[in-house]
Amino acid sequence: MRLGKLSTFALAALTALSSETAGGAAVARRAPGRQAAAVYRLDPARSKFMIRAFAGGVLWFKGHDHFVRARDFNGEARLTPGSVAPASLTLEVRAASLAETREVFTEQQKKIIDGELRDIVLQPDKYPDITFRSTDVTVEPRGGVFRVKLGGDLTLRGITRHVSIPAEVTLEGQDLRARGEFSIKRGDFKVPATSAFHGTVRVRDTLQVSFDIVATKTEARP
């Protein structure tokens, strides 16, 4: 789900290289003037974004957790070299591209699950995109790894909530890689729950989002 999305953390790694620090953590700040921004674009072919929905209800043990993967998503991070600001991150996931991946389900069952995702849960005709837009970032360097906490606005089914996403970011050549996971509540975004066995097995309120994102430096813009 649009949860996530996160090459979002590409911006954070470079932030750690050049920002002022307080208590060991780098915090993004505003800088006067306008400078050329380095642009990092998410590479969908090398990135993975997965949502886990846990089975719940009275007969939860008869159900299976769902692992839903986004197949169509993009994102862009911008950071001014030598400064932590201006900096920004945007991420978009096509809601219609989310699909069940677990092999425990037959192909026919996957089609039914994907249909419910479309028609009941996500309603992509009405809410086509899941988006994330950063508002703040904190970075703590740990050797060659940057521990990042990214704050921003997540919009799902037309409802926007502020979320905080932790990740570990590494920088290799022209690539930034971010790995991590976070959770959201279905109820916060009014996401309907699907059920089985006459409602005795249903999806729990907590959704876990995991990601392994690669973003590549492309160009600099004023």
Protein backbone atom coordinates (compact mmCIF):
# COMPACT_ATOMS: atom_id res chain seq x y z
CA MET A 1 0.00 0.00 0.00
CA ARG A 2 1.15 3.40 -0.34
CA LEU A 3 2.73 2.96 2.68
CA GLY A 4 5.52 3.43 2.36
CA LYS A 5 7.20 4.15 -0.46
CA LEU A 6 11.42 4.38 -0.12
CA SER A 7 13.90 5.72 -2.15
CA THR A 8 12.67 8.34 0.13
CA PHE A 9 15.79 7.74 2.09
CA ALA A 10 18.17 8.54 -0.70
CA LEU A 11 18.00 12.14 0.35
CA ALA A 12 18.78 11.23 3.93
CA ALA A 13 22.10 9.56 3.20
CA LEU A 14 23.56 12.59 1.50
CA THR A 15 22.12 14.75 4.23
CA ALA A 16 24.26 12.86 6.72
CA LEU A 17 27.40 13.65 4.75
CA SER A 18 27.04 17.40 4.97
CA SER A 19 24.63 18.53 7.68
CA GLU A 20 25.24 20.02 11.08
CA THR A 21 24.96 17.50 13.90
CA ALA A 22 23.42 17.68 17.33
CA GLY A 23 23.83 14.83 19.79
CA GLY A 24 25.30 12.64 17.03
CA ALA A 25 22.29 13.00 14.76
CA ALA A 26 22.07 15.12 11.63
CA VAL A 27 18.91 17.16 11.27
CA ALA A 28 17.75 18.77 8.03
CA ARG A 29 17.68 22.58 8.21
CA ARG A 30 16.73 25.40 5.87
CA ALA A 31 19.56 27.19 4.09
CA PRO A 32 19.30 30.62 2.46
CA GLY A 33 19.66 30.97 -1.29
CA ARG A 34 19.01 28.53 -4.07
CA GLN A 35 21.56 25.97 -5.23
CA ALA A 36 21.60 23.16 -7.77
CA ALA A 37 20.00 20.02 -6.34
CA ALA A 38 21.29 16.49 -6.92
CA VAL A 39 18.44 14.29 -8.13
CA TYR A 40 18.13 10.60 -7.25
CA ARG A 41 15.48 8.54 -8.99
CA LEU A 42 14.09 5.27 -7.72
CA ASP A 43 14.95 2.22 -9.84
CA PRO A 44 11.83 -0.03 -9.74
CA ALA A 45 13.68 -2.95 -11.35
CA ARG A 46 16.09 -3.12 -8.40
CA SER A 47 13.64 -2.10 -5.69
CA LYS A 48 11.09 -4.00 -3.64
CA PHE A 49 8.09 -2.72 -1.71
CA MET A 50 5.97 -5.23 0.25
CA ILE A 51 2.96 -4.96 2.55
CA ARG A 52 2.10 -7.70 5.03
CA ALA A 53 -1.47 -8.04 6.25
CA PHE A 54 -1.80 -10.33 9.27
CA ALA A 55 -4.58 -12.89 9.64
CA GLY A 56 -6.80 -12.24 12.67
CA GLY A 57 -10.23 -13.05 14.05
CA VAL A 58 -11.55 -15.91 16.18
CA LEU A 59 -10.20 -18.54 13.76
CA TRP A 60 -7.05 -16.63 12.75
CA PHE A 61 -5.05 -19.89 12.72
CA LYS A 62 -7.11 -21.10 9.76
CA GLY A 63 -6.11 -18.13 7.68
CA HIS A 64 -2.87 -17.02 6.03
CA ASP A 65 -1.03 -13.72 6.22
CA HIS A 66 -1.00 -11.80 2.94
CA PHE A 67 2.16 -10.46 1.31
CA VAL A 68 1.16 -7.83 -1.21
CA ARG A 69 3.79 -6.38 -3.53
CA ALA A 70 3.72 -3.11 -5.46
CA ARG A 71 4.63 -3.60 -9.12
CA ASP A 72 4.35 -0.01 -10.38
CA PHE A 73 5.94 2.77 -8.35
CA ASN A 74 8.35 5.67 -8.74
CA GLY A 75 10.06 8.25 -6.60
CA GLU A 76 12.53 11.10 -6.58
CA ALA A 77 14.80 12.61 -3.94
CA ARG A 78 16.56 15.95 -4.23
CA LEU A 79 19.40 17.29 -2.12
CA THR A 80 21.65 20.29 -2.45
CA PRO A 81 25.30 19.15 -2.45
CA GLY A 82 27.22 20.54 0.51
CA SER A 83 24.03 21.41 2.38
CA VAL A 84 21.06 19.69 3.97
CA ALA A 85 18.51 22.03 2.44
CA PRO A 86 16.65 22.49 0.26
CA ALA A 87 15.87 18.77 0.26
CA SER A 88 12.76 16.77 -0.59
CA LEU A 89 11.46 13.29 -1.28
CA THR A 90 8.36 12.15 -3.16
CA LEU A 91 7.07 8.63 -3.76
CA GLU A 92 4.09 7.37 -5.75
CA VAL A 93 2.64 3.85 -5.90
CA ARG A 94 -0.07 2.87 -8.35
CA ALA A 95 -2.76 1.32 -6.18
CA ALA A 96 -3.90 -0.98 -8.99
CA SER A 97 -0.42 -2.56 -9.13
CA LEU A 98 -0.61 -4.15 -5.67
CA ALA A 99 -0.90 -7.93 -5.89
CA GLU A 100 -0.73 -11.03 -3.67
CA THR A 101 2.58 -12.92 -3.92
CA ARG A 102 2.47 -15.86 -1.46
CA GLU A 103 2.86 -19.31 -2.96
CA VAL A 104 0.58 -20.75 -0.28
CA PHE A 105 -2.30 -19.43 -2.41
CA THR A 106 -3.26 -20.99 -5.74
CA GLU A 107 -3.36 -18.83 -8.86
CA GLN A 108 -7.16 -18.83 -8.68
CA GLN A 109 -7.07 -17.75 -5.04
CA LYS A 110 -4.62 -14.97 -5.90
CA LYS A 111 -7.01 -13.69 -8.55
CA ILE A 112 -9.81 -13.57 -5.97
CA ILE A 113 -7.56 -11.80 -3.44
CA ASP A 114 -6.36 -9.29 -6.04
CA GLY A 115 -9.96 -8.64 -7.04
CA GLU A 116 -10.89 -7.87 -3.43
CA LEU A 117 -7.86 -5.59 -3.12
CA ARG A 118 -9.09 -3.69 -6.15
CA ASP A 119 -12.84 -3.62 -5.57
CA ILE A 120 -13.08 -3.51 -1.76
CA VAL A 121 -9.79 -2.41 -0.19
CA LEU A 122 -7.97 0.06 -2.46
CA GLN A 123 -10.56 1.14 -5.04
CA PRO A 124 -7.92 2.42 -7.51
CA ASP A 125 -10.54 3.87 -9.86
CA LYS A 126 -11.40 6.33 -7.09
CA TYR A 127 -7.98 6.54 -5.38
CA PRO A 128 -5.41 5.75 -8.11
CA ASP A 129 -2.23 6.65 -6.21
CA ILE A 130 -0.66 6.09 -2.81
CA THR A 131 1.79 8.92 -2.12
CA PHE A 132 4.46 9.91 0.35
CA ARG A 133 6.01 13.38 0.63
CA SER A 134 8.79 14.09 3.10
CA THR A 135 8.64 16.93 5.59
CA ASP A 136 11.69 16.27 7.79
CA VAL A 137 14.62 13.88 8.13
CA THR A 138 17.08 12.94 10.88
CA VAL A 139 20.29 11.00 10.15
CA GLU A 140 22.72 9.25 12.47
CA PRO A 141 25.97 8.05 10.80
CA ARG A 142 27.14 4.58 11.93
CA GLY A 143 30.32 3.69 10.05
CA GLY A 144 29.36 3.12 6.42
CA VAL A 145 25.65 2.95 7.28
CA PHE A 146 23.28 5.83 7.98
CA ARG A 147 20.42 5.31 10.39
CA VAL A 148 17.59 7.46 9.12
CA LYS A 149 14.27 8.60 10.53
CA LEU A 150 12.13 10.13 7.83
CA GLY A 151 8.97 12.07 8.65
CA GLY A 152 6.38 12.85 6.03
CA ASP A 153 2.79 12.78 4.80
CA LEU A 154 1.38 9.47 3.60
CA THR A 155 -1.82 9.57 1.56
CA LEU A 156 -3.87 6.40 1.17
CA ARG A 157 -7.48 6.20 -0.08
CA GLY A 158 -7.56 10.00 -0.10
CA ILE A 159 -6.65 10.30 3.60
CA THR A 160 -3.35 11.89 4.65
CA ARG A 161 -1.53 11.06 7.89
CA HIS A 162 1.91 12.01 9.16
CA VAL A 163 4.18 8.97 9.56
CA SER A 164 7.72 8.34 10.81
CA ILE A 165 9.79 5.77 8.91
CA PRO A 166 13.11 4.31 10.15
CA ALA A 167 15.63 2.92 7.65
CA GLU A 168 19.27 2.01 7.11
CA VAL A 169 20.86 3.73 4.12
CA THR A 170 24.10 2.99 2.31
CA LEU A 171 25.82 4.97 -0.44
CA GLU A 172 27.70 3.13 -3.21
CA GLY A 173 28.93 5.04 -6.25
CA GLN A 174 25.92 6.70 -7.88
CA ASP A 175 23.44 4.57 -5.93
CA LEU A 176 21.66 5.04 -2.64
CA ARG A 177 20.09 1.97 -1.05
CA ALA A 178 17.53 2.07 1.77
CA ARG A 179 16.18 -0.88 3.75
CA GLY A 180 13.69 -0.98 6.57
CA GLU A 181 10.14 -1.55 7.72
CA PHE A 182 7.36 0.31 9.47
CA SER A 183 3.73 -0.22 10.42
CA ILE A 184 0.48 1.66 9.91
CA LYS A 185 -3.09 1.12 11.08
CA ARG A 186 -5.80 0.33 8.55
CA GLY A 187 -8.26 2.31 10.62
CA ASP A 188 -6.21 5.50 10.33
CA PHE A 189 -6.81 5.45 6.58
CA LYS A 190 -10.27 3.86 6.66
CA VAL A 191 -9.01 0.82 4.76
CA PRO A 192 -11.70 -1.92 4.75
CA ALA A 193 -10.79 -5.40 5.99
CA THR A 194 -11.48 -8.52 3.97
CA SER A 195 -12.66 -11.68 5.74
CA ALA A 196 -13.28 -15.40 5.26
CA PHE A 197 -15.11 -18.25 7.00
CA HIS A 198 -18.15 -16.05 7.66
CA GLY A 199 -16.06 -13.34 9.30
CA THR A 200 -14.20 -15.62 11.75
CA VAL A 201 -10.93 -14.94 9.87
CA ARG A 202 -10.23 -11.34 8.94
CA VAL A 203 -7.26 -9.03 8.31
CA ARG A 204 -5.92 -7.33 11.45
CA ASP A 205 -5.70 -3.57 11.84
CA THR A 206 -1.88 -3.41 11.72
CA LEU A 207 -0.20 -3.50 8.31
CA GLN A 208 3.58 -3.98 8.10
CA VAL A 209 5.46 -2.36 5.24
CA SER A 210 8.97 -3.51 4.29
CA PHE A 211 11.18 -2.07 1.59
CA ASP A 212 14.52 -2.49 -0.14
CA ILE A 213 14.90 0.56 -2.34
CA VAL A 214 17.63 1.60 -4.79
CA ALA A 215 17.82 5.16 -6.15
CA THR A 216 20.34 6.33 -8.75
CA LYS A 217 21.81 9.80 -9.16
CA THR A 218 20.66 11.26 -12.46
CA GLU A 219 21.29 15.00 -12.71
CA ALA A 220 21.52 18.29 -10.91
CA ARG A 221 18.84 20.99 -11.12
CA PRO A 222 18.78 24.59 -9.89
